[in-house]
Amino acid sequence: VSLFKTLFSKSIHAGCLTDSNFVLIHYNAAFGKLFQINEVISGQLLWKVLTENGLNSDDLPQSMLLQNQLQEGQSVSGKLRINNINGARLKIDYTGHALEASDELSYYFEFTDVTSQIEIKNALRATVSSLQLATDISNLGIFDYDFKKKKWLFNPRISQILGIQFSTTNNTQDLINRVIHPEDYPLVFSEWIDKKNNGGKLEINFRIIHPKEGLKYVKCIG
């Protein structure tokens, strides 16, 4: 128990240690904070703590499966949803490991609130989807260039704007150079080199000769 107290005190996760009957014998402050518990709860059943502190009813079958797995001495992992007393909805990752302790089994748990991580992922998905729609509507081409690795990354709109089909076997820089209008090439090249060496914002208008559409004006910002 002393060892686990040390581990709990340094863990960013909420942790708990139970006996073979799933009675809490130790937990860290993060566990109490996660489940909005202020009083001492050692000696209470883990399942009671979960259910009385807002375990989502839809997750009851999952918690029963979890209990059965632990009774068989299995290591477990999964997700549970908690609605705490403040009304906040938490999504919790849990892991549990059976530990040999004389003739009985004890269990070590970690609970991690992953609500914010999931919300961030959902927001990113929505942002990426919106960005794709925006680029399709605005005829905006996006590219990323790693100067050190000399590696390019494009969205499909770039190919349509420049009239170039890129592949890993092509010299990408050479392909782009070919479509830039000869009279504008020196200016584009000097600006590109200047920003590569000195940094700063690149914003330049120039002409290209599109293979199918002829003369076009483009603007590059970076």
Protein backbone atom coordinates (compact mmCIF):
# COMPACT_ATOMS: atom_id res chain seq x y z
CA VAL A 1 0.00 0.00 0.00
CA SER A 2 2.86 2.38 0.76
CA LEU A 3 4.23 1.76 -2.72
CA PHE A 4 0.88 2.58 -4.29
CA LYS A 5 0.49 5.69 -2.17
CA THR A 6 3.76 6.89 -3.66
CA LEU A 7 2.63 6.03 -7.18
CA PHE A 8 -0.76 7.70 -6.68
CA SER A 9 0.78 10.89 -5.35
CA LYS A 10 2.84 11.23 -8.54
CA SER A 11 0.22 10.06 -11.00
CA ILE A 12 -1.73 12.47 -13.17
CA HIS A 13 -4.50 9.88 -13.28
CA ALA A 14 -7.09 9.21 -10.65
CA GLY A 15 -6.15 5.92 -9.08
CA CYS A 16 -7.60 3.49 -6.57
CA LEU A 17 -6.69 0.19 -4.97
CA THR A 18 -9.39 -2.29 -3.99
CA ASP A 19 -9.52 -5.69 -2.32
CA SER A 20 -11.08 -8.83 -3.79
CA ASN A 21 -14.56 -7.55 -2.87
CA PHE A 22 -13.92 -4.25 -4.71
CA VAL A 23 -13.86 -2.26 -1.48
CA LEU A 24 -11.69 0.85 -1.77
CA ILE A 25 -8.68 0.71 0.51
CA HIS A 26 -6.82 3.67 -0.95
CA TYR A 27 -7.30 6.36 -3.60
CA ASN A 28 -5.60 9.60 -4.52
CA ALA A 29 -6.96 13.14 -4.49
CA ALA A 30 -7.53 13.08 -8.24
CA PHE A 31 -9.98 10.21 -7.79
CA GLY A 32 -12.04 12.24 -5.34
CA LYS A 33 -11.89 15.29 -7.58
CA LEU A 34 -12.90 13.32 -10.65
CA PHE A 35 -16.00 11.91 -8.95
CA GLN A 36 -16.72 15.07 -6.93
CA ILE A 37 -16.19 13.32 -3.57
CA ASN A 38 -14.96 15.34 -0.61
CA GLU A 39 -15.46 12.97 2.30
CA VAL A 40 -13.37 9.91 3.12
CA ILE A 41 -14.72 6.96 1.12
CA SER A 42 -12.24 4.23 1.98
CA GLY A 43 -14.19 1.07 2.76
CA GLN A 44 -16.96 1.80 0.26
CA LEU A 45 -17.60 -0.40 -2.74
CA LEU A 46 -16.08 0.88 -5.96
CA TRP A 47 -19.34 0.15 -7.79
CA LYS A 48 -21.30 2.15 -5.22
CA VAL A 49 -19.00 5.10 -5.71
CA LEU A 50 -19.47 4.90 -9.49
CA THR A 51 -23.24 4.47 -9.52
CA GLU A 52 -23.96 7.01 -6.80
CA ASN A 53 -21.83 9.60 -8.54
CA GLY A 54 -23.52 9.59 -11.89
CA LEU A 55 -22.53 6.51 -13.85
CA ASN A 56 -24.42 6.80 -17.12
CA SER A 57 -27.25 4.24 -17.07
CA ASP A 58 -26.33 3.15 -20.59
CA ASP A 59 -22.94 2.09 -19.24
CA LEU A 60 -24.29 -0.18 -16.51
CA PRO A 61 -23.88 -3.32 -18.70
CA GLN A 62 -20.28 -2.25 -19.33
CA SER A 63 -19.62 -1.84 -15.60
CA MET A 64 -21.16 -5.26 -14.87
CA LEU A 65 -18.94 -6.82 -17.53
CA LEU A 66 -16.00 -5.03 -15.98
CA GLN A 67 -16.89 -6.46 -12.56
CA ASN A 68 -17.19 -9.99 -13.94
CA GLN A 69 -13.86 -9.74 -15.72
CA LEU A 70 -12.15 -8.57 -12.56
CA GLN A 71 -13.70 -11.36 -10.51
CA GLU A 72 -11.98 -13.73 -12.89
CA GLY A 73 -8.66 -11.97 -12.28
CA GLN A 74 -8.46 -10.41 -15.77
CA SER A 75 -6.79 -7.13 -16.67
CA VAL A 76 -9.34 -4.76 -18.13
CA SER A 77 -9.66 -1.48 -19.99
CA GLY A 78 -12.50 0.52 -21.44
CA LYS A 79 -14.56 3.70 -21.26
CA LEU A 80 -17.31 4.87 -18.92
CA ARG A 81 -19.41 8.01 -18.86
CA ILE A 82 -20.09 9.88 -15.64
CA ASN A 83 -22.53 12.74 -14.96
CA ASN A 84 -21.19 14.27 -11.75
CA ILE A 85 -23.14 16.35 -9.24
CA ASN A 86 -22.29 19.56 -11.07
CA GLY A 87 -23.98 18.23 -14.17
CA ALA A 88 -20.73 17.95 -16.10
CA ARG A 89 -20.55 14.94 -18.39
CA LEU A 90 -17.24 13.15 -18.20
CA LYS A 91 -15.86 10.48 -20.49
CA ILE A 92 -13.45 8.32 -18.54
CA ASP A 93 -10.85 5.84 -19.69
CA TYR A 94 -10.17 3.14 -17.14
CA THR A 95 -7.66 0.36 -16.76
CA GLY A 96 -7.64 -2.29 -14.03
CA HIS A 97 -5.07 -4.88 -13.11
CA ALA A 98 -5.38 -7.81 -10.73
CA LEU A 99 -2.56 -7.92 -8.21
CA GLU A 100 -1.44 -10.96 -6.24
CA ALA A 101 -1.69 -10.31 -2.50
CA SER A 102 -1.28 -13.44 -0.35
CA ASP A 103 -4.37 -15.63 -0.88
CA GLU A 104 -6.55 -12.83 -2.21
CA LEU A 105 -6.61 -10.62 -5.25
CA SER A 106 -6.36 -6.87 -5.03
CA TYR A 107 -7.03 -4.52 -7.91
CA TYR A 108 -5.26 -1.40 -9.05
CA PHE A 109 -7.27 1.06 -11.15
CA GLU A 110 -6.54 4.20 -13.07
CA PHE A 111 -9.28 6.54 -14.22
CA THR A 112 -8.50 9.33 -16.67
CA ASP A 113 -10.92 12.08 -17.68
CA VAL A 114 -10.66 12.17 -21.49
CA THR A 115 -13.63 14.49 -22.07
CA SER A 116 -11.50 17.39 -23.28
CA GLN A 117 -9.44 15.13 -25.56
CA ILE A 118 -12.58 13.81 -27.23
CA GLU A 119 -14.05 17.30 -27.57
CA ILE A 120 -10.82 18.52 -29.17
CA LYS A 121 -10.83 15.61 -31.63
CA ASN A 122 -14.45 16.31 -32.58
CA ALA A 123 -13.69 20.00 -33.03
CA LEU A 124 -10.70 19.16 -35.24
CA ARG A 125 -12.83 16.88 -37.40
CA ALA A 126 -15.37 19.66 -37.85
CA THR A 127 -12.60 22.16 -38.60
CA VAL A 128 -10.96 19.93 -41.20
CA SER A 129 -14.32 19.33 -42.84
CA SER A 130 -15.07 23.06 -42.91
CA LEU A 131 -11.61 23.83 -44.26
CA GLN A 132 -12.06 21.34 -47.10
CA LEU A 133 -15.42 22.89 -47.98
CA ALA A 134 -13.90 26.37 -47.87
CA THR A 135 -11.04 25.42 -50.17
CA ASP A 136 -13.46 23.81 -52.62
CA ILE A 137 -15.67 26.91 -52.73
CA SER A 138 -12.91 29.53 -52.80
CA ASN A 139 -10.65 27.75 -55.29
CA LEU A 140 -7.92 27.91 -52.68
CA GLY A 141 -4.90 25.68 -53.07
CA ILE A 142 -2.85 24.78 -50.01
CA PHE A 143 0.68 23.40 -49.89
CA ASP A 144 3.28 22.73 -47.24
CA TYR A 145 6.99 22.60 -47.98
CA ASP A 146 9.68 21.26 -45.66
CA PHE A 147 12.85 23.12 -46.63
CA LYS A 148 15.17 20.71 -44.84
CA LYS A 149 13.66 17.50 -46.21
CA LYS A 150 12.63 19.15 -49.51
CA LYS A 151 9.24 17.50 -49.14
CA TRP A 152 5.97 18.87 -50.53
CA LEU A 153 2.41 18.27 -49.38
CA PHE A 154 -0.51 19.51 -51.47
CA ASN A 155 -4.27 19.53 -51.42
CA PRO A 156 -5.92 18.51 -54.75
CA ARG A 157 -6.84 22.12 -55.60
CA ILE A 158 -3.19 23.00 -56.20
CA SER A 159 -3.02 20.60 -59.12
CA GLN A 160 -6.15 22.14 -60.67
CA ILE A 161 -4.91 25.71 -60.26
CA LEU A 162 -1.46 25.06 -61.70
CA GLY A 163 -2.45 22.32 -64.14
CA ILE A 164 0.20 19.99 -62.73
CA GLN A 165 -0.15 16.35 -61.77
CA PHE A 166 2.29 15.70 -58.94
CA SER A 167 3.86 12.36 -58.15
CA THR A 168 6.61 11.18 -55.85
CA THR A 169 8.88 10.49 -58.80
CA ASN A 170 8.72 14.05 -60.16
CA ASN A 171 10.99 16.94 -59.27
CA THR A 172 8.18 19.03 -57.77
CA GLN A 173 10.11 22.29 -57.72
CA ASP A 174 11.00 21.87 -61.38
CA LEU A 175 7.36 21.23 -62.30
CA ILE A 176 6.25 24.43 -60.56
CA ASN A 177 9.06 26.44 -62.12
CA ARG A 178 7.92 25.39 -65.60
CA VAL A 179 4.43 26.88 -65.26
CA ILE A 180 5.56 30.24 -63.83
CA HIS A 181 5.54 32.93 -66.51
CA PRO A 182 9.16 33.48 -67.69
CA GLU A 183 8.95 37.23 -67.05
CA ASP A 184 7.76 36.69 -63.46
CA TYR A 185 10.09 33.83 -62.60
CA PRO A 186 13.06 35.97 -61.37
CA LEU A 187 10.82 37.84 -58.92
CA VAL A 188 9.16 34.66 -57.63
CA PHE A 189 12.51 32.92 -57.26
CA SER A 190 14.14 35.81 -55.37
CA GLU A 191 11.18 36.14 -53.00
CA TRP A 192 11.17 32.38 -52.38
CA ILE A 193 14.90 32.33 -51.56
CA ASP A 194 14.65 35.44 -49.38
CA LYS A 195 11.88 33.96 -47.22
CA LYS A 196 13.66 30.62 -47.05
CA ASN A 197 16.81 32.28 -45.72
CA ASN A 198 15.35 35.09 -43.62
CA GLY A 199 11.81 34.04 -42.73
CA GLY A 200 8.87 36.40 -42.73
CA LYS A 201 5.60 36.47 -44.64
CA LEU A 202 5.55 35.66 -48.33
CA GLU A 203 2.87 37.45 -50.36
CA ILE A 204 3.33 37.70 -54.08
CA ASN A 205 1.20 37.93 -57.22
CA PHE A 206 2.50 36.36 -60.41
CA ARG A 207 1.41 34.81 -63.69
CA ILE A 208 1.44 31.19 -64.72
CA ILE A 209 0.94 29.46 -68.05
CA HIS A 210 -1.66 26.80 -67.38
CA PRO A 211 -1.21 23.83 -69.78
CA LYS A 212 -4.93 23.85 -70.70
CA GLU A 213 -6.28 27.26 -69.67
CA GLY A 214 -3.41 29.48 -70.75
CA LEU A 215 -2.48 32.69 -68.91
CA LYS A 216 -3.68 32.87 -65.29
CA TYR A 217 -2.94 35.18 -62.37
CA VAL A 218 -2.29 33.63 -58.97
CA LYS A 219 -1.47 34.88 -55.52
CA CYS A 220 0.79 33.00 -53.12
CA ILE A 221 0.72 33.71 -49.38
CA GLY A 222 2.87 31.93 -46.86
